[in-house]
Amino acid sequence: MGLALDQELTIDEIHATIHAHPTMSEVIHEATLAAEGHAIHF
């Protein structure tokens, strides 16, 4: 969002942006679940 604000992007431009998935927090969460044998994604 910092970049979007800096560049004064429109809603349409933000919507058209590629949003990376998974995020680092999702990766860490999945890794901790996997460590306990409860991974959501295999």
PDB file of N, CA and C in Angstrom:
ATOM      1  N   MET A   1       0.818  -1.193   0.000  1.00  0.00           N
ATOM      2  CA  MET A   1       0.000   0.000   0.000  1.00  0.00           C
ATOM      3  C   MET A   1       0.859   1.253   0.000  1.00  0.00           C
ATOM      4  N   GLY A   2       2.050   1.151   0.584  1.00  0.00           N
ATOM      5  CA  GLY A   2       2.937   2.312   0.564  1.00  0.00           C
ATOM      6  C   GLY A   2       3.266   2.740  -0.850  1.00  0.00           C
ATOM      7  N   LEU A   3       3.558   1.768  -1.701  1.00  0.00           N
ATOM      8  CA  LEU A   3       3.866   2.072  -3.096  1.00  0.00           C
ATOM      9  C   LEU A   3       2.631   2.629  -3.809  1.00  0.00           C
ATOM     10  N   ALA A   4       1.471   2.052  -3.534  1.00  0.00           N
ATOM     11  CA  ALA A   4       0.235   2.529  -4.156  1.00  0.00           C
ATOM     12  C   ALA A   4      -0.045   3.982  -3.769  1.00  0.00           C
ATOM     13  N   LEU A   5       0.179   4.308  -2.511  1.00  0.00           N
ATOM     14  CA  LEU A   5      -0.017   5.688  -2.067  1.00  0.00           C
ATOM     15  C   LEU A   5       1.005   6.617  -2.701  1.00  0.00           C
ATOM     16  N   ASP A   6       2.279   6.178  -2.720  1.00  0.00           N
ATOM     17  CA  ASP A   6       3.343   6.993  -3.298  1.00  0.00           C
ATOM     18  C   ASP A   6       3.089   7.278  -4.772  1.00  0.00           C
ATOM     19  N   GLN A   7       2.621   6.277  -5.496  1.00  0.00           N
ATOM     20  CA  GLN A   7       2.392   6.413  -6.937  1.00  0.00           C
ATOM     21  C   GLN A   7       0.988   6.913  -7.268  1.00  0.00           C
ATOM     22  N   GLU A   8       0.191   7.170  -6.237  1.00  0.00           N
ATOM     23  CA  GLU A   8      -1.184   7.659  -6.396  1.00  0.00           C
ATOM     24  C   GLU A   8      -1.987   6.772  -7.353  1.00  0.00           C
ATOM     25  N   LEU A   9      -1.895   5.445  -7.117  1.00  0.00           N
ATOM     26  CA  LEU A   9      -2.595   4.504  -7.974  1.00  0.00           C
ATOM     27  C   LEU A   9      -4.104   4.585  -7.771  1.00  0.00           C
ATOM     28  N   THR A  10      -4.824   4.277  -8.832  1.00  0.00           N
ATOM     29  CA  THR A  10      -6.284   4.238  -8.757  1.00  0.00           C
ATOM     30  C   THR A  10      -6.716   2.864  -8.251  1.00  0.00           C
ATOM     31  N   ILE A  11      -7.981   2.743  -7.889  1.00  0.00           N
ATOM     32  CA  ILE A  11      -8.523   1.451  -7.471  1.00  0.00           C
ATOM     33  C   ILE A  11      -8.326   0.419  -8.574  1.00  0.00           C
ATOM     34  N   ASP A  12      -8.575   0.792  -9.815  1.00  0.00           N
ATOM     35  CA  ASP A  12      -8.417  -0.133 -10.937  1.00  0.00           C
ATOM     36  C   ASP A  12      -6.967  -0.579 -11.089  1.00  0.00           C
ATOM     37  N   GLU A  13      -6.009   0.320 -10.881  1.00  0.00           N
ATOM     38  CA  GLU A  13      -4.600  -0.042 -10.995  1.00  0.00           C
ATOM     39  C   GLU A  13      -4.179  -0.992  -9.876  1.00  0.00           C
ATOM     40  N   ILE A  14      -4.681  -0.760  -8.681  1.00  0.00           N
ATOM     41  CA  ILE A  14      -4.380  -1.656  -7.566  1.00  0.00           C
ATOM     42  C   ILE A  14      -5.002  -3.029  -7.830  1.00  0.00           C
ATOM     43  N   HIS A  15      -6.229  -3.031  -8.310  1.00  0.00           N
ATOM     44  CA  HIS A  15      -6.923  -4.285  -8.617  1.00  0.00           C
ATOM     45  C   HIS A  15      -6.173  -5.092  -9.682  1.00  0.00           C
ATOM     46  N   ALA A  16      -5.567  -4.430 -10.639  1.00  0.00           N
ATOM     47  CA  ALA A  16      -4.858  -5.099 -11.732  1.00  0.00           C
ATOM     48  C   ALA A  16      -3.456  -5.566 -11.330  1.00  0.00           C
ATOM     49  N   THR A  17      -3.005  -5.196 -10.143  1.00  0.00           N
ATOM     50  CA  THR A  17      -1.675  -5.563  -9.673  1.00  0.00           C
ATOM     51  C   THR A  17      -1.640  -7.034  -9.290  1.00  0.00           C
ATOM     52  N   ILE A  18      -0.529  -7.697  -9.570  1.00  0.00           N
ATOM     53  CA  ILE A  18      -0.359  -9.083  -9.153  1.00  0.00           C
ATOM     54  C   ILE A  18      -0.055  -9.097  -7.661  1.00  0.00           C
ATOM     55  N   HIS A  19      -0.866  -9.813  -6.916  1.00  0.00           N
ATOM     56  CA  HIS A  19      -0.689  -9.922  -5.471  1.00  0.00           C
ATOM     57  C   HIS A  19      -0.071 -11.287  -5.163  1.00  0.00           C
ATOM     58  N   ALA A  20       1.159 -11.261  -4.696  1.00  0.00           N
ATOM     59  CA  ALA A  20       1.901 -12.503  -4.439  1.00  0.00           C
ATOM     60  C   ALA A  20       1.204 -13.364  -3.399  1.00  0.00           C
ATOM     61  N   HIS A  21       1.239 -14.664  -3.626  1.00  0.00           N
ATOM     62  CA  HIS A  21       0.661 -15.617  -2.690  1.00  0.00           C
ATOM     63  C   HIS A  21       1.508 -16.866  -2.753  1.00  0.00           C
ATOM     64  N   PRO A  22       1.941 -17.461  -1.730  1.00  0.00           N
ATOM     65  CA  PRO A  22       1.617 -17.096  -0.353  1.00  0.00           C
ATOM     66  C   PRO A  22       2.522 -15.989   0.184  1.00  0.00           C
ATOM     67  N   THR A  23       2.033 -15.323   1.180  1.00  0.00           N
ATOM     68  CA  THR A  23       2.841 -14.302   1.842  1.00  0.00           C
ATOM     69  C   THR A  23       3.805 -14.986   2.812  1.00  0.00           C
ATOM     70  N   MET A  24       4.795 -14.253   3.273  1.00  0.00           N
ATOM     71  CA  MET A  24       5.759 -14.831   4.217  1.00  0.00           C
ATOM     72  C   MET A  24       5.049 -15.316   5.480  1.00  0.00           C
ATOM     73  N   SER A  25       4.075 -14.570   5.974  1.00  0.00           N
ATOM     74  CA  SER A  25       3.386 -15.003   7.193  1.00  0.00           C
ATOM     75  C   SER A  25       2.607 -16.293   6.956  1.00  0.00           C
ATOM     76  N   GLU A  26       2.035 -16.466   5.752  1.00  0.00           N
ATOM     77  CA  GLU A  26       1.333 -17.712   5.434  1.00  0.00           C
ATOM     78  C   GLU A  26       2.300 -18.889   5.375  1.00  0.00           C
ATOM     79  N   VAL A  27       3.493 -18.657   4.831  1.00  0.00           N
ATOM     80  CA  VAL A  27       4.505 -19.712   4.749  1.00  0.00           C
ATOM     81  C   VAL A  27       4.934 -20.147   6.143  1.00  0.00           C
ATOM     82  N   ILE A  28       5.170 -19.183   7.025  1.00  0.00           N
ATOM     83  CA  ILE A  28       5.581 -19.505   8.392  1.00  0.00           C
ATOM     84  C   ILE A  28       4.478 -20.273   9.114  1.00  0.00           C
ATOM     85  N   HIS A  29       3.242 -19.836   8.957  1.00  0.00           N
ATOM     86  CA  HIS A  29       2.110 -20.520   9.589  1.00  0.00           C
ATOM     87  C   HIS A  29       2.016 -21.959   9.099  1.00  0.00           C
ATOM     88  N   GLU A  30       2.096 -22.163   7.797  1.00  0.00           N
ATOM     89  CA  GLU A  30       2.010 -23.505   7.226  1.00  0.00           C
ATOM     90  C   GLU A  30       3.177 -24.374   7.710  1.00  0.00           C
ATOM     91  N   ALA A  31       4.362 -23.800   7.807  1.00  0.00           N
ATOM     92  CA  ALA A  31       5.526 -24.557   8.267  1.00  0.00           C
ATOM     93  C   ALA A  31       5.357 -25.017   9.715  1.00  0.00           C
ATOM     94  N   THR A  32       4.818 -24.164  10.564  1.00  0.00           N
ATOM     95  CA  THR A  32       4.609 -24.561  11.957  1.00  0.00           C
ATOM     96  C   THR A  32       3.525 -25.623  12.063  1.00  0.00           C
ATOM     97  N   LEU A  33       2.499 -25.521  11.226  1.00  0.00           N
ATOM     98  CA  LEU A  33       1.473 -26.571  11.206  1.00  0.00           C
ATOM     99  C   LEU A  33       2.078 -27.897  10.725  1.00  0.00           C
ATOM    100  N   ALA A  34       2.905 -27.842   9.693  1.00  0.00           N
ATOM    101  CA  ALA A  34       3.535 -29.047   9.148  1.00  0.00           C
ATOM    102  C   ALA A  34       4.436 -29.705  10.189  1.00  0.00           C
ATOM    103  N   ALA A  35       5.127 -28.900  10.975  1.00  0.00           N
ATOM    104  CA  ALA A  35       6.026 -29.425  11.991  1.00  0.00           C
ATOM    105  C   ALA A  35       5.277 -30.254  13.037  1.00  0.00           C
ATOM    106  N   GLU A  36       3.993 -29.931  13.216  1.00  0.00           N
ATOM    107  CA  GLU A  36       3.162 -30.662  14.181  1.00  0.00           C
ATOM    108  C   GLU A  36       2.269 -31.689  13.484  1.00  0.00           C
ATOM    109  N   GLY A  37       2.467 -31.887  12.158  1.00  0.00           N
ATOM    110  CA  GLY A  37       1.682 -32.866  11.430  1.00  0.00           C
ATOM    111  C   GLY A  37       0.280 -32.423  11.062  1.00  0.00           C
ATOM    112  N   HIS A  38       0.066 -31.096  11.030  1.00  0.00           N
ATOM    113  CA  HIS A  38      -1.271 -30.574  10.744  1.00  0.00           C
ATOM    114  C   HIS A  38      -1.292 -29.627   9.536  1.00  0.00           C
ATOM    115  N   ALA A  39      -0.427 -29.868   8.566  1.00  0.00           N
ATOM    116  CA  ALA A  39      -0.342 -28.968   7.410  1.00  0.00           C
ATOM    117  C   ALA A  39      -1.676 -28.937   6.651  1.00  0.00           C
ATOM    118  N   ILE A  40      -2.046 -27.770   6.194  1.00  0.00           N
ATOM    119  CA  ILE A  40      -3.265 -27.597   5.418  1.00  0.00           C
ATOM    120  C   ILE A  40      -2.994 -27.991   3.981  1.00  0.00           C
ATOM    121  N   HIS A  41      -1.848 -27.573   3.445  1.00  0.00           N
ATOM    122  CA  HIS A  41      -1.458 -27.865   2.066  1.00  0.00           C
ATOM    123  C   HIS A  41      -0.308 -28.856   2.077  1.00  0.00           C
ATOM    124  N   PHE A  42      -0.396 -29.865   1.258  1.00  0.00           N
ATOM    125  CA  PHE A  42       0.641 -30.902   1.244  1.00  0.00           C
ATOM    126  C   PHE A  42       1.613 -30.682   0.131  1.00  0.00           C
TER     127      PHE A  42
END
